[in-house]
């Protein structure tokens, strides 16, 4: 990303790995649209100056490793990008080679493709949200916003045994969710009405994955009403899973009366990343159907153009094998 709205495919320099470092040859990288489009727009709060290498999803093969390393040459791994490159990096995944420390990678099981494993961090973000929310078997879960993180959240909660409803205004996203076996609808009667009609009450857990501050109060409305006479009743949980560049507000009185539990999961932990890769490898969370376009990195400007011109696109991924 060389300027606001400008994506280019350019040469950069990757240094030789130093003692203790791995050199990874990239096979596939994937775009996290919410975050990377915000970076491209120059609105990322902690952004480095242009130009920079963006992205945090890279799957590749170890080309060199320190003597005695547990990570051997030829091992396929996931990482979030290179530690070293000749320009700035906003995590630094979209690059042909990466320099990382052994502790920064997750080995990819032999039976899992790099095209699938590249989604490990995105799945880990959704998994972190579910671990903070702690769904119980058969809990009702409403996921608002079916972008990549929202879509993956529906699958993580479904894998945990929850009763999941996904809501999005885009028919194409609703259809993707349905094909993956998730109940999904367009909230034509409003979020509150759709959730209450489907579950017969509000949801036990509401996952807002929209990243849109104006939607948060609407997501709150999907929470259960709290009876005053039952001291054993517990309020719904609102998991704010979207990524926000700035402050947002929530209606206090409604949250207070519903005794709403407001949860803000942080990114992911190292264990979440390992477990997410395993979920993908074992086929418990499908991911490749989220790729709206798959092509060469030299076509990056076109690929990002697809995401900016059509918000209903899920994500794009790059095949570095011919680079």
C-alpha atoms as a PDB file:
ATOM      1  CA  UNK A   1       0.000   0.000   0.000  1.00  0.00           C
ATOM      2  CA  UNK A   2       1.801   3.110  -1.271  1.00  0.00           C
ATOM      3  CA  UNK A   3      -0.811   5.743  -0.486  1.00  0.00           C
ATOM      4  CA  UNK A   4      -4.478   6.197   0.357  1.00  0.00           C
ATOM      5  CA  UNK A   5      -6.402   3.907  -1.981  1.00  0.00           C
ATOM      6  CA  UNK A   6      -3.276   2.781  -3.856  1.00  0.00           C
ATOM      7  CA  UNK A   7      -2.088  -0.843  -3.946  1.00  0.00           C
ATOM      8  CA  UNK A   8       1.013  -1.747  -5.963  1.00  0.00           C
ATOM      9  CA  UNK A   9       3.082  -4.880  -6.595  1.00  0.00           C
ATOM     10  CA  UNK A  10       6.684  -3.762  -6.066  1.00  0.00           C
ATOM     11  CA  UNK A  11      10.116  -5.150  -5.253  1.00  0.00           C
ATOM     12  CA  UNK A  12      11.266  -4.956  -1.637  1.00  0.00           C
ATOM     13  CA  UNK A  13      14.346  -6.337   0.096  1.00  0.00           C
ATOM     14  CA  UNK A  14      14.242  -9.168   2.605  1.00  0.00           C
ATOM     15  CA  UNK A  15      17.531  -9.601   4.507  1.00  0.00           C
ATOM     16  CA  UNK A  16      19.274 -12.894   5.071  1.00  0.00           C
ATOM     17  CA  UNK A  17      17.978 -14.612   8.217  1.00  0.00           C
ATOM     18  CA  UNK A  18      20.155 -14.145  11.295  1.00  0.00           C
ATOM     19  CA  UNK A  19      20.953 -16.784  13.897  1.00  0.00           C
ATOM     20  CA  UNK A  20      17.760 -18.181  15.377  1.00  0.00           C
ATOM     21  CA  UNK A  21      15.507 -16.953  12.556  1.00  0.00           C
ATOM     22  CA  UNK A  22      13.416 -18.823   9.990  1.00  0.00           C
ATOM     23  CA  UNK A  23      13.132 -17.932   6.318  1.00  0.00           C
ATOM     24  CA  UNK A  24       9.705 -18.744   4.902  1.00  0.00           C
ATOM     25  CA  UNK A  25       8.764 -18.900   1.235  1.00  0.00           C
ATOM     26  CA  UNK A  26       5.167 -17.701   0.915  1.00  0.00           C
ATOM     27  CA  UNK A  27       2.588 -19.941  -0.733  1.00  0.00           C
ATOM     28  CA  UNK A  28      -0.688 -18.143   0.010  1.00  0.00           C
ATOM     29  CA  UNK A  29      -1.733 -14.901   1.678  1.00  0.00           C
ATOM     30  CA  UNK A  30      -5.281 -13.750   2.450  1.00  0.00           C
ATOM     31  CA  UNK A  31      -6.843 -10.345   3.037  1.00  0.00           C
ATOM     32  CA  UNK A  32      -8.760  -9.423   6.177  1.00  0.00           C
ATOM     33  CA  UNK A  33     -11.025  -6.858   4.498  1.00  0.00           C
ATOM     34  CA  UNK A  34     -12.244  -4.840   7.491  1.00  0.00           C
ATOM     35  CA  UNK A  35      -8.758  -4.169   8.796  1.00  0.00           C
ATOM     36  CA  UNK A  36      -6.841  -3.925   5.532  1.00  0.00           C
ATOM     37  CA  UNK A  37      -9.343  -1.678   3.773  1.00  0.00           C
ATOM     38  CA  UNK A  38      -9.175   0.620   6.789  1.00  0.00           C
ATOM     39  CA  UNK A  39      -5.371   0.629   6.424  1.00  0.00           C
ATOM     40  CA  UNK A  40      -5.738   1.389   2.710  1.00  0.00           C
ATOM     41  CA  UNK A  41      -8.039   4.307   3.541  1.00  0.00           C
ATOM     42  CA  UNK A  42      -5.447   5.704   5.957  1.00  0.00           C
ATOM     43  CA  UNK A  43      -7.790   5.254   8.924  1.00  0.00           C
ATOM     44  CA  UNK A  44      -5.981   2.576  10.940  1.00  0.00           C
ATOM     45  CA  UNK A  45      -5.308   4.095  14.412  1.00  0.00           C
ATOM     46  CA  UNK A  46      -1.800   2.600  14.790  1.00  0.00           C
ATOM     47  CA  UNK A  47      -0.886   2.808  11.102  1.00  0.00           C
ATOM     48  CA  UNK A  48       2.722   3.141  10.006  1.00  0.00           C
ATOM     49  CA  UNK A  49       3.541   5.676   7.257  1.00  0.00           C
ATOM     50  CA  UNK A  50       3.001   4.761   3.605  1.00  0.00           C
ATOM     51  CA  UNK A  51       4.384   2.781   1.844  1.00  0.00           C
ATOM     52  CA  UNK A  52       3.971  -0.431   3.824  1.00  0.00           C
ATOM     53  CA  UNK A  53       3.392  -4.171   3.434  1.00  0.00           C
ATOM     54  CA  UNK A  54      -0.035  -5.005   4.844  1.00  0.00           C
ATOM     55  CA  UNK A  55      -1.786  -8.202   5.894  1.00  0.00           C
ATOM     56  CA  UNK A  56      -1.596 -10.681   8.749  1.00  0.00           C
ATOM     57  CA  UNK A  57      -2.346 -14.025   7.089  1.00  0.00           C
ATOM     58  CA  UNK A  58       0.505 -15.960   5.465  1.00  0.00           C
ATOM     59  CA  UNK A  59       0.979 -19.678   4.802  1.00  0.00           C
ATOM     60  CA  UNK A  60       4.294 -20.880   3.456  1.00  0.00           C
ATOM     61  CA  UNK A  61       7.196 -23.299   3.561  1.00  0.00           C
ATOM     62  CA  UNK A  62      10.312 -23.022   5.737  1.00  0.00           C
ATOM     63  CA  UNK A  63      13.341 -22.610   3.461  1.00  0.00           C
ATOM     64  CA  UNK A  64      15.988 -22.226   6.144  1.00  0.00           C
ATOM     65  CA  UNK A  65      15.983 -22.850   9.886  1.00  0.00           C
ATOM     66  CA  UNK A  66      18.482 -22.607  12.761  1.00  0.00           C
ATOM     67  CA  UNK A  67      20.453 -25.719  13.632  1.00  0.00           C
ATOM     68  CA  UNK A  68      18.551 -27.716  16.224  1.00  0.00           C
ATOM     69  CA  UNK A  69      15.258 -25.907  15.556  1.00  0.00           C
ATOM     70  CA  UNK A  70      12.080 -27.894  16.157  1.00  0.00           C
ATOM     71  CA  UNK A  71      10.734 -26.275  12.976  1.00  0.00           C
ATOM     72  CA  UNK A  72      12.538 -28.053  10.143  1.00  0.00           C
ATOM     73  CA  UNK A  73      13.226 -27.007   6.576  1.00  0.00           C
ATOM     74  CA  UNK A  74      10.294 -28.052   4.385  1.00  0.00           C
ATOM     75  CA  UNK A  75       7.698 -27.611   7.128  1.00  0.00           C
ATOM     76  CA  UNK A  76       4.602 -25.728   6.039  1.00  0.00           C
ATOM     77  CA  UNK A  77       3.671 -23.049   8.552  1.00  0.00           C
ATOM     78  CA  UNK A  78       1.278 -20.206   9.223  1.00  0.00           C
ATOM     79  CA  UNK A  79       2.556 -16.837  10.404  1.00  0.00           C
ATOM     80  CA  UNK A  80       1.263 -13.266  10.499  1.00  0.00           C
ATOM     81  CA  UNK A  81       3.973 -11.746   8.310  1.00  0.00           C
ATOM     82  CA  UNK A  82       7.643 -10.908   8.094  1.00  0.00           C
ATOM     83  CA  UNK A  83       9.546  -9.231  10.918  1.00  0.00           C
ATOM     84  CA  UNK A  84      11.974  -7.610   8.487  1.00  0.00           C
ATOM     85  CA  UNK A  85      11.524  -5.864   5.152  1.00  0.00           C
ATOM     86  CA  UNK A  86      13.039  -2.779   3.519  1.00  0.00           C
ATOM     87  CA  UNK A  87       9.875  -0.647   3.878  1.00  0.00           C
ATOM     88  CA  UNK A  88       7.369  -0.219   6.677  1.00  0.00           C
ATOM     89  CA  UNK A  89       5.102  -3.118   7.514  1.00  0.00           C
ATOM     90  CA  UNK A  90       1.555  -3.110   8.768  1.00  0.00           C
ATOM     91  CA  UNK A  91       2.066  -6.688   9.995  1.00  0.00           C
ATOM     92  CA  UNK A  92       3.734  -7.590   6.696  1.00  0.00           C
ATOM     93  CA  UNK A  93       2.066 -10.713   5.297  1.00  0.00           C
ATOM     94  CA  UNK A  94       1.717  -9.886   1.594  1.00  0.00           C
ATOM     95  CA  UNK A  95       5.340 -10.564   0.666  1.00  0.00           C
ATOM     96  CA  UNK A  96       7.087 -13.413  -1.150  1.00  0.00           C
ATOM     97  CA  UNK A  97       9.422 -14.328   1.745  1.00  0.00           C
ATOM     98  CA  UNK A  98       9.225 -13.779   5.480  1.00  0.00           C
ATOM     99  CA  UNK A  99      11.774 -13.636   8.291  1.00  0.00           C
ATOM    100  CA  UNK A 100      10.286 -14.785  11.611  1.00  0.00           C
ATOM    101  CA  UNK A 101      11.284 -16.394  14.880  1.00  0.00           C
ATOM    102  CA  UNK A 102      10.381 -20.082  15.392  1.00  0.00           C
ATOM    103  CA  UNK A 103       7.920 -19.205  18.161  1.00  0.00           C
ATOM    104  CA  UNK A 104       5.907 -17.070  15.755  1.00  0.00           C
ATOM    105  CA  UNK A 105       4.798 -19.903  13.468  1.00  0.00           C
ATOM    106  CA  UNK A 106       2.181 -22.644  13.648  1.00  0.00           C
ATOM    107  CA  UNK A 107       2.986 -25.850  11.738  1.00  0.00           C
ATOM    108  CA  UNK A 108       0.286 -26.777   9.228  1.00  0.00           C
ATOM    109  CA  UNK A 109      -0.857 -30.435   9.332  1.00  0.00           C
ATOM    110  CA  UNK A 110      -0.014 -32.426   6.188  1.00  0.00           C
ATOM    111  CA  UNK A 111      -3.670 -33.010   5.342  1.00  0.00           C
ATOM    112  CA  UNK A 112      -4.498 -29.279   5.394  1.00  0.00           C
ATOM    113  CA  UNK A 113      -3.906 -27.087   2.345  1.00  0.00           C
ATOM    114  CA  UNK A 114      -2.098 -23.767   2.640  1.00  0.00           C
ATOM    115  CA  UNK A 115      -5.137 -22.185   0.981  1.00  0.00           C
ATOM    116  CA  UNK A 116      -7.182 -23.232   4.010  1.00  0.00           C
ATOM    117  CA  UNK A 117      -4.545 -22.772   6.707  1.00  0.00           C
ATOM    118  CA  UNK A 118      -4.013 -19.148   5.686  1.00  0.00           C
ATOM    119  CA  UNK A 119      -7.287 -18.390   7.506  1.00  0.00           C
ATOM    120  CA  UNK A 120      -5.889 -19.531  10.871  1.00  0.00           C
ATOM    121  CA  UNK A 121      -5.676 -16.050  12.395  1.00  0.00           C
ATOM    122  CA  UNK A 122      -9.166 -15.045  11.254  1.00  0.00           C
ATOM    123  CA  UNK A 123     -10.570 -18.252  12.743  1.00  0.00           C
ATOM    124  CA  UNK A 124      -8.509 -17.618  15.896  1.00  0.00           C
ATOM    125  CA  UNK A 125     -10.127 -14.181  16.265  1.00  0.00           C
ATOM    126  CA  UNK A 126     -13.592 -15.757  16.068  1.00  0.00           C
ATOM    127  CA  UNK A 127     -12.493 -18.539  18.415  1.00  0.00           C
ATOM    128  CA  UNK A 128     -11.230 -16.003  20.955  1.00  0.00           C
ATOM    129  CA  UNK A 129     -14.642 -14.352  20.942  1.00  0.00           C
ATOM    130  CA  UNK A 130     -16.394 -17.646  21.624  1.00  0.00           C
ATOM    131  CA  UNK A 131     -13.995 -18.494  24.446  1.00  0.00           C
ATOM    132  CA  UNK A 132     -14.690 -15.157  26.106  1.00  0.00           C
ATOM    133  CA  UNK A 133     -18.453 -15.695  25.657  1.00  0.00           C
ATOM    134  CA  UNK A 134     -18.314 -19.342  26.860  1.00  0.00           C
ATOM    135  CA  UNK A 135     -21.354 -20.690  24.984  1.00  0.00           C
ATOM    136  CA  UNK A 136     -23.184 -23.630  26.503  1.00  0.00           C
ATOM    137  CA  UNK A 137     -24.614 -26.511  24.511  1.00  0.00           C
ATOM    138  CA  UNK A 138     -27.777 -25.356  22.712  1.00  0.00           C
ATOM    139  CA  UNK A 139     -27.326 -21.684  23.669  1.00  0.00           C
ATOM    140  CA  UNK A 140     -29.016 -19.334  21.210  1.00  0.00           C
ATOM    141  CA  UNK A 141     -26.418 -17.235  19.372  1.00  0.00           C
ATOM    142  CA  UNK A 142     -27.208 -14.403  16.955  1.00  0.00           C
ATOM    143  CA  UNK A 143     -24.309 -13.237  14.786  1.00  0.00           C
ATOM    144  CA  UNK A 144     -24.901  -9.796  13.293  1.00  0.00           C
ATOM    145  CA  UNK A 145     -22.809  -9.084  10.196  1.00  0.00           C
ATOM    146  CA  UNK A 146     -21.542 -11.922   8.015  1.00  0.00           C
ATOM    147  CA  UNK A 147     -18.220 -10.601   6.835  1.00  0.00           C
ATOM    148  CA  UNK A 148     -15.282 -13.008   7.232  1.00  0.00           C
ATOM    149  CA  UNK A 149     -15.062 -12.725  11.037  1.00  0.00           C
ATOM    150  CA  UNK A 150     -18.833 -12.894  11.473  1.00  0.00           C
ATOM    151  CA  UNK A 151     -19.108 -15.823   9.075  1.00  0.00           C
ATOM    152  CA  UNK A 152     -16.343 -17.684  10.865  1.00  0.00           C
ATOM    153  CA  UNK A 153     -17.984 -16.886  14.202  1.00  0.00           C
ATOM    154  CA  UNK A 154     -21.180 -18.637  13.074  1.00  0.00           C
ATOM    155  CA  UNK A 155     -19.127 -21.734  12.299  1.00  0.00           C
ATOM    156  CA  UNK A 156     -17.126 -21.672  15.533  1.00  0.00           C
ATOM    157  CA  UNK A 157     -20.269 -21.348  17.674  1.00  0.00           C
ATOM    158  CA  UNK A 158     -22.042 -24.022  15.626  1.00  0.00           C
ATOM    159  CA  UNK A 159     -19.054 -26.359  16.162  1.00  0.00           C
ATOM    160  CA  UNK A 160     -19.450 -25.712  19.907  1.00  0.00           C
ATOM    161  CA  UNK A 161     -23.046 -26.987  19.787  1.00  0.00           C
ATOM    162  CA  UNK A 162     -24.857 -23.656  19.879  1.00  0.00           C
ATOM    163  CA  UNK A 163     -28.057 -22.845  17.994  1.00  0.00           C
ATOM    164  CA  UNK A 164     -26.845 -20.152  15.607  1.00  0.00           C
ATOM    165  CA  UNK A 165     -28.634 -17.519  13.526  1.00  0.00           C
ATOM    166  CA  UNK A 166     -26.630 -15.289  11.187  1.00  0.00           C
ATOM    167  CA  UNK A 167     -27.987 -11.949   9.948  1.00  0.00           C
ATOM    168  CA  UNK A 168     -26.714  -9.778   7.102  1.00  0.00           C
ATOM    169  CA  UNK A 169     -28.198  -7.349   4.598  1.00  0.00           C
ATOM    170  CA  UNK A 170     -26.338  -8.962   1.667  1.00  0.00           C
ATOM    171  CA  UNK A 171     -28.189 -11.911   0.045  1.00  0.00           C
ATOM    172  CA  UNK A 172     -24.885 -13.367  -1.215  1.00  0.00           C
ATOM    173  CA  UNK A 173     -23.484 -13.585   2.299  1.00  0.00           C
ATOM    174  CA  UNK A 174     -26.669 -15.123   3.638  1.00  0.00           C
ATOM    175  CA  UNK A 175     -26.447 -17.752   0.905  1.00  0.00           C
ATOM    176  CA  UNK A 176     -22.817 -18.596   1.769  1.00  0.00           C
ATOM    177  CA  UNK A 177     -23.803 -19.122   5.398  1.00  0.00           C
ATOM    178  CA  UNK A 178     -26.731 -21.348   4.430  1.00  0.00           C
ATOM    179  CA  UNK A 179     -24.569 -23.490   2.153  1.00  0.00           C
ATOM    180  CA  UNK A 180     -22.264 -24.053   5.138  1.00  0.00           C
ATOM    181  CA  UNK A 181     -25.204 -25.355   7.167  1.00  0.00           C
ATOM    182  CA  UNK A 182     -25.868 -22.214   9.215  1.00  0.00           C
ATOM    183  CA  UNK A 183     -29.335 -20.725   9.567  1.00  0.00           C
ATOM    184  CA  UNK A 184     -29.078 -17.231   8.077  1.00  0.00           C
ATOM    185  CA  UNK A 185     -31.506 -14.490   7.117  1.00  0.00           C
ATOM    186  CA  UNK A 186     -31.699 -10.898   5.962  1.00  0.00           C
ATOM    187  CA  UNK A 187     -33.106  -8.828   8.863  1.00  0.00           C
ATOM    188  CA  UNK A 188     -35.933  -7.382   6.780  1.00  0.00           C
ATOM    189  CA  UNK A 189     -38.133  -6.976   9.875  1.00  0.00           C
ATOM    190  CA  UNK A 190     -35.306  -5.588  11.978  1.00  0.00           C
ATOM    191  CA  UNK A 191     -32.687  -7.363  14.068  1.00  0.00           C
ATOM    192  CA  UNK A 192     -34.757  -7.534  17.252  1.00  0.00           C
ATOM    193  CA  UNK A 193     -37.834  -8.953  15.524  1.00  0.00           C
ATOM    194  CA  UNK A 194     -35.863 -11.535  13.518  1.00  0.00           C
ATOM    195  CA  UNK A 195     -33.965 -12.802  16.561  1.00  0.00           C
ATOM    196  CA  UNK A 196     -37.024 -12.965  18.823  1.00  0.00           C
ATOM    197  CA  UNK A 197     -39.090 -14.666  16.122  1.00  0.00           C
ATOM    198  CA  UNK A 198     -36.438 -17.312  15.473  1.00  0.00           C
ATOM    199  CA  UNK A 199     -35.506 -18.164  19.051  1.00  0.00           C
ATOM    200  CA  UNK A 200     -38.860 -17.363  20.690  1.00  0.00           C
ATOM    201  CA  UNK A 201     -36.961 -14.912  22.922  1.00  0.00           C
ATOM    202  CA  UNK A 202     -33.816 -12.863  22.733  1.00  0.00           C
ATOM    203  CA  UNK A 203     -30.469 -14.533  22.098  1.00  0.00           C
ATOM    204  CA  UNK A 204     -28.278 -15.808  24.913  1.00  0.00           C
ATOM    205  CA  UNK A 205     -25.257 -14.479  23.011  1.00  0.00           C
ATOM    206  CA  UNK A 206     -25.221 -11.687  20.427  1.00  0.00           C
ATOM    207  CA  UNK A 207     -22.072 -11.373  18.344  1.00  0.00           C
ATOM    208  CA  UNK A 208     -21.777  -8.004  16.620  1.00  0.00           C
ATOM    209  CA  UNK A 209     -19.222  -8.437  13.846  1.00  0.00           C
ATOM    210  CA  UNK A 210     -20.258  -5.430  11.779  1.00  0.00           C
ATOM    211  CA  UNK A 211     -17.639  -2.908  12.863  1.00  0.00           C
ATOM    212  CA  UNK A 212     -20.406  -0.304  12.437  1.00  0.00           C
ATOM    213  CA  UNK A 213     -21.023   1.781  15.603  1.00  0.00           C
ATOM    214  CA  UNK A 214     -24.577   2.629  14.509  1.00  0.00           C
ATOM    215  CA  UNK A 215     -25.512  -1.063  14.466  1.00  0.00           C
ATOM    216  CA  UNK A 216     -24.428  -1.831  18.039  1.00  0.00           C
ATOM    217  CA  UNK A 217     -27.646  -0.512  19.678  1.00  0.00           C
ATOM    218  CA  UNK A 218     -29.668  -2.600  17.205  1.00  0.00           C
ATOM    219  CA  UNK A 219     -27.640  -5.666  18.134  1.00  0.00           C
ATOM    220  CA  UNK A 220     -28.294  -4.936  21.821  1.00  0.00           C
ATOM    221  CA  UNK A 221     -32.021  -5.040  21.117  1.00  0.00           C
ATOM    222  CA  UNK A 222     -31.676  -8.761  20.325  1.00  0.00           C
ATOM    223  CA  UNK A 223     -30.855  -9.506  23.973  1.00  0.00           C
ATOM    224  CA  UNK A 224     -33.307 -11.282  26.274  1.00  0.00           C
ATOM    225  CA  UNK A 225     -35.603  -9.321  28.527  1.00  0.00           C
ATOM    226  CA  UNK A 226     -34.718  -9.775  32.193  1.00  0.00           C
ATOM    227  CA  UNK A 227     -37.601 -10.634  34.591  1.00  0.00           C
ATOM    228  CA  UNK A 228     -37.377  -8.856  37.947  1.00  0.00           C
ATOM    229  CA  UNK A 229     -38.879 -11.733  39.904  1.00  0.00           C
ATOM    230  CA  UNK A 230     -36.319 -14.420  38.981  1.00  0.00           C
ATOM    231  CA  UNK A 231     -32.976 -13.947  40.732  1.00  0.00           C
ATOM    232  CA  UNK A 232     -31.519 -16.983  38.931  1.00  0.00           C
ATOM    233  CA  UNK A 233     -31.973 -15.414  35.464  1.00  0.00           C
ATOM    234  CA  UNK A 234     -28.858 -14.117  33.732  1.00  0.00           C
ATOM    235  CA  UNK A 235     -28.606 -11.421  31.116  1.00  0.00           C
ATOM    236  CA  UNK A 236     -27.505 -11.950  27.538  1.00  0.00           C
ATOM    237  CA  UNK A 237     -23.910 -11.509  26.429  1.00  0.00           C
ATOM    238  CA  UNK A 238     -23.006  -8.973  23.747  1.00  0.00           C
ATOM    239  CA  UNK A 239     -19.696  -9.887  22.122  1.00  0.00           C
ATOM    240  CA  UNK A 240     -18.320  -6.855  20.297  1.00  0.00           C
ATOM    241  CA  UNK A 241     -16.369  -8.790  17.697  1.00  0.00           C
ATOM    242  CA  UNK A 242     -16.045  -6.062  15.057  1.00  0.00           C
ATOM    243  CA  UNK A 243     -12.976  -3.852  14.764  1.00  0.00           C
ATOM    244  CA  UNK A 244     -13.491  -0.166  15.500  1.00  0.00           C
ATOM    245  CA  UNK A 245     -11.072   2.651  14.635  1.00  0.00           C
ATOM    246  CA  UNK A 246     -12.604   5.061  17.162  1.00  0.00           C
ATOM    247  CA  UNK A 247     -14.965   5.382  20.116  1.00  0.00           C
ATOM    248  CA  UNK A 248     -18.591   4.269  20.079  1.00  0.00           C
ATOM    249  CA  UNK A 249     -21.560   4.713  22.395  1.00  0.00           C
ATOM    250  CA  UNK A 250     -24.179   2.317  23.746  1.00  0.00           C
ATOM    251  CA  UNK A 251     -27.593   3.101  25.272  1.00  0.00           C
ATOM    252  CA  UNK A 252     -27.054   2.722  29.001  1.00  0.00           C
ATOM    253  CA  UNK A 253     -30.670   2.289  30.118  1.00  0.00           C
ATOM    254  CA  UNK A 254     -31.368  -0.659  27.807  1.00  0.00           C
ATOM    255  CA  UNK A 255     -28.121  -2.378  28.772  1.00  0.00           C
ATOM    256  CA  UNK A 256     -28.889  -1.753  32.449  1.00  0.00           C
ATOM    257  CA  UNK A 257     -32.445  -3.122  32.341  1.00  0.00           C
ATOM    258  CA  UNK A 258     -31.341  -6.235  30.447  1.00  0.00           C
ATOM    259  CA  UNK A 259     -28.331  -6.708  32.758  1.00  0.00           C
ATOM    260  CA  UNK A 260     -26.303  -7.066  29.591  1.00  0.00           C
ATOM    261  CA  UNK A 261     -22.828  -8.585  29.740  1.00  0.00           C
ATOM    262  CA  UNK A 262     -20.676  -6.575  27.322  1.00  0.00           C
ATOM    263  CA  UNK A 263     -17.586  -8.465  26.187  1.00  0.00           C
ATOM    264  CA  UNK A 264     -14.623  -7.179  24.168  1.00  0.00           C
ATOM    265  CA  UNK A 265     -12.357 -10.063  23.141  1.00  0.00           C
ATOM    266  CA  UNK A 266      -8.784  -9.160  22.253  1.00  0.00           C
ATOM    267  CA  UNK A 267      -7.508 -10.469  18.928  1.00  0.00           C
ATOM    268  CA  UNK A 268      -6.292 -13.980  19.906  1.00  0.00           C
ATOM    269  CA  UNK A 269      -3.827 -15.862  22.076  1.00  0.00           C
ATOM    270  CA  UNK A 270      -1.088 -18.196  20.751  1.00  0.00           C
ATOM    271  CA  UNK A 271      -3.189 -21.188  21.832  1.00  0.00           C
ATOM    272  CA  UNK A 272      -6.195 -19.828  19.953  1.00  0.00           C
ATOM    273  CA  UNK A 273      -4.059 -19.728  16.791  1.00  0.00           C
ATOM    274  CA  UNK A 274      -2.876 -23.323  17.217  1.00  0.00           C
ATOM    275  CA  UNK A 275      -6.413 -24.523  17.948  1.00  0.00           C
ATOM    276  CA  UNK A 276      -7.835 -22.575  15.009  1.00  0.00           C
ATOM    277  CA  UNK A 277      -5.392 -24.232  12.617  1.00  0.00           C
ATOM    278  CA  UNK A 278      -6.445 -27.618  14.016  1.00  0.00           C
ATOM    279  CA  UNK A 279     -10.148 -26.792  13.589  1.00  0.00           C
ATOM    280  CA  UNK A 280      -9.509 -25.948   9.940  1.00  0.00           C
ATOM    281  CA  UNK A 281      -7.348 -29.025   9.346  1.00  0.00           C
ATOM    282  CA  UNK A 282      -9.942 -31.333  10.915  1.00  0.00           C
ATOM    283  CA  UNK A 283     -12.711 -29.897   8.746  1.00  0.00           C
ATOM    284  CA  UNK A 284     -14.660 -28.529  11.708  1.00  0.00           C
ATOM    285  CA  UNK A 285     -14.564 -24.971  10.362  1.00  0.00           C
ATOM    286  CA  UNK A 286     -14.878 -24.519   6.599  1.00  0.00           C
ATOM    287  CA  UNK A 287     -12.947 -21.545   5.190  1.00  0.00           C
ATOM    288  CA  UNK A 288     -12.168 -21.744   1.463  1.00  0.00           C
ATOM    289  CA  UNK A 289     -15.719 -20.817   0.450  1.00  0.00           C
ATOM    290  CA  UNK A 290     -15.002 -17.328   1.823  1.00  0.00           C
ATOM    291  CA  UNK A 291     -12.550 -16.605  -1.007  1.00  0.00           C
ATOM    292  CA  UNK A 292     -14.342 -14.426  -3.557  1.00  0.00           C
ATOM    293  CA  UNK A 293     -11.261 -14.136  -5.791  1.00  0.00           C
ATOM    294  CA  UNK A 294      -7.992 -16.127  -5.919  1.00  0.00           C
ATOM    295  CA  UNK A 295      -5.138 -14.995  -8.138  1.00  0.00           C
ATOM    296  CA  UNK A 296      -1.562 -13.816  -8.394  1.00  0.00           C
ATOM    297  CA  UNK A 297      -0.163 -11.044  -6.178  1.00  0.00           C
ATOM    298  CA  UNK A 298       0.713  -8.960  -9.253  1.00  0.00           C
ATOM    299  CA  UNK A 299      -3.061  -8.515  -9.555  1.00  0.00           C
ATOM    300  CA  UNK A 300      -3.317  -7.023  -6.058  1.00  0.00           C
ATOM    301  CA  UNK A 301      -4.623  -3.650  -7.231  1.00  0.00           C
ATOM    302  CA  UNK A 302      -7.481  -5.386  -9.059  1.00  0.00           C
ATOM    303  CA  UNK A 303      -8.195  -7.662  -6.092  1.00  0.00           C
ATOM    304  CA  UNK A 304      -8.409  -4.822  -3.573  1.00  0.00           C
ATOM    305  CA  UNK A 305     -10.514  -2.916  -6.087  1.00  0.00           C
ATOM    306  CA  UNK A 306     -13.049  -5.751  -6.001  1.00  0.00           C
ATOM    307  CA  UNK A 307     -13.293  -5.455  -2.216  1.00  0.00           C
ATOM    308  CA  UNK A 308     -13.650  -1.671  -2.217  1.00  0.00           C
ATOM    309  CA  UNK A 309     -16.169  -1.559  -5.074  1.00  0.00           C
ATOM    310  CA  UNK A 310     -18.341  -4.413  -3.806  1.00  0.00           C
ATOM    311  CA  UNK A 311     -18.708  -4.584  -0.006  1.00  0.00           C
ATOM    312  CA  UNK A 312     -20.590  -7.879  -0.323  1.00  0.00           C
ATOM    313  CA  UNK A 313     -17.397  -9.651  -1.433  1.00  0.00           C
ATOM    314  CA  UNK A 314     -16.025 -11.804   1.381  1.00  0.00           C
ATOM    315  CA  UNK A 315     -12.268 -11.729   0.876  1.00  0.00           C
ATOM    316  CA  UNK A 316      -9.498 -12.317  -1.656  1.00  0.00           C
ATOM    317  CA  UNK A 317      -6.386 -14.473  -1.479  1.00  0.00           C
ATOM    318  CA  UNK A 318      -3.117 -14.547  -3.407  1.00  0.00           C
ATOM    319  CA  UNK A 319      -1.275 -17.520  -4.885  1.00  0.00           C
ATOM    320  CA  UNK A 320       2.461 -16.799  -4.605  1.00  0.00           C
ATOM    321  CA  UNK A 321       3.575 -20.086  -6.149  1.00  0.00           C
ATOM    322  CA  UNK A 322       4.382 -18.518  -9.525  1.00  0.00           C
ATOM    323  CA  UNK A 323       6.082 -15.413  -8.112  1.00  0.00           C
END
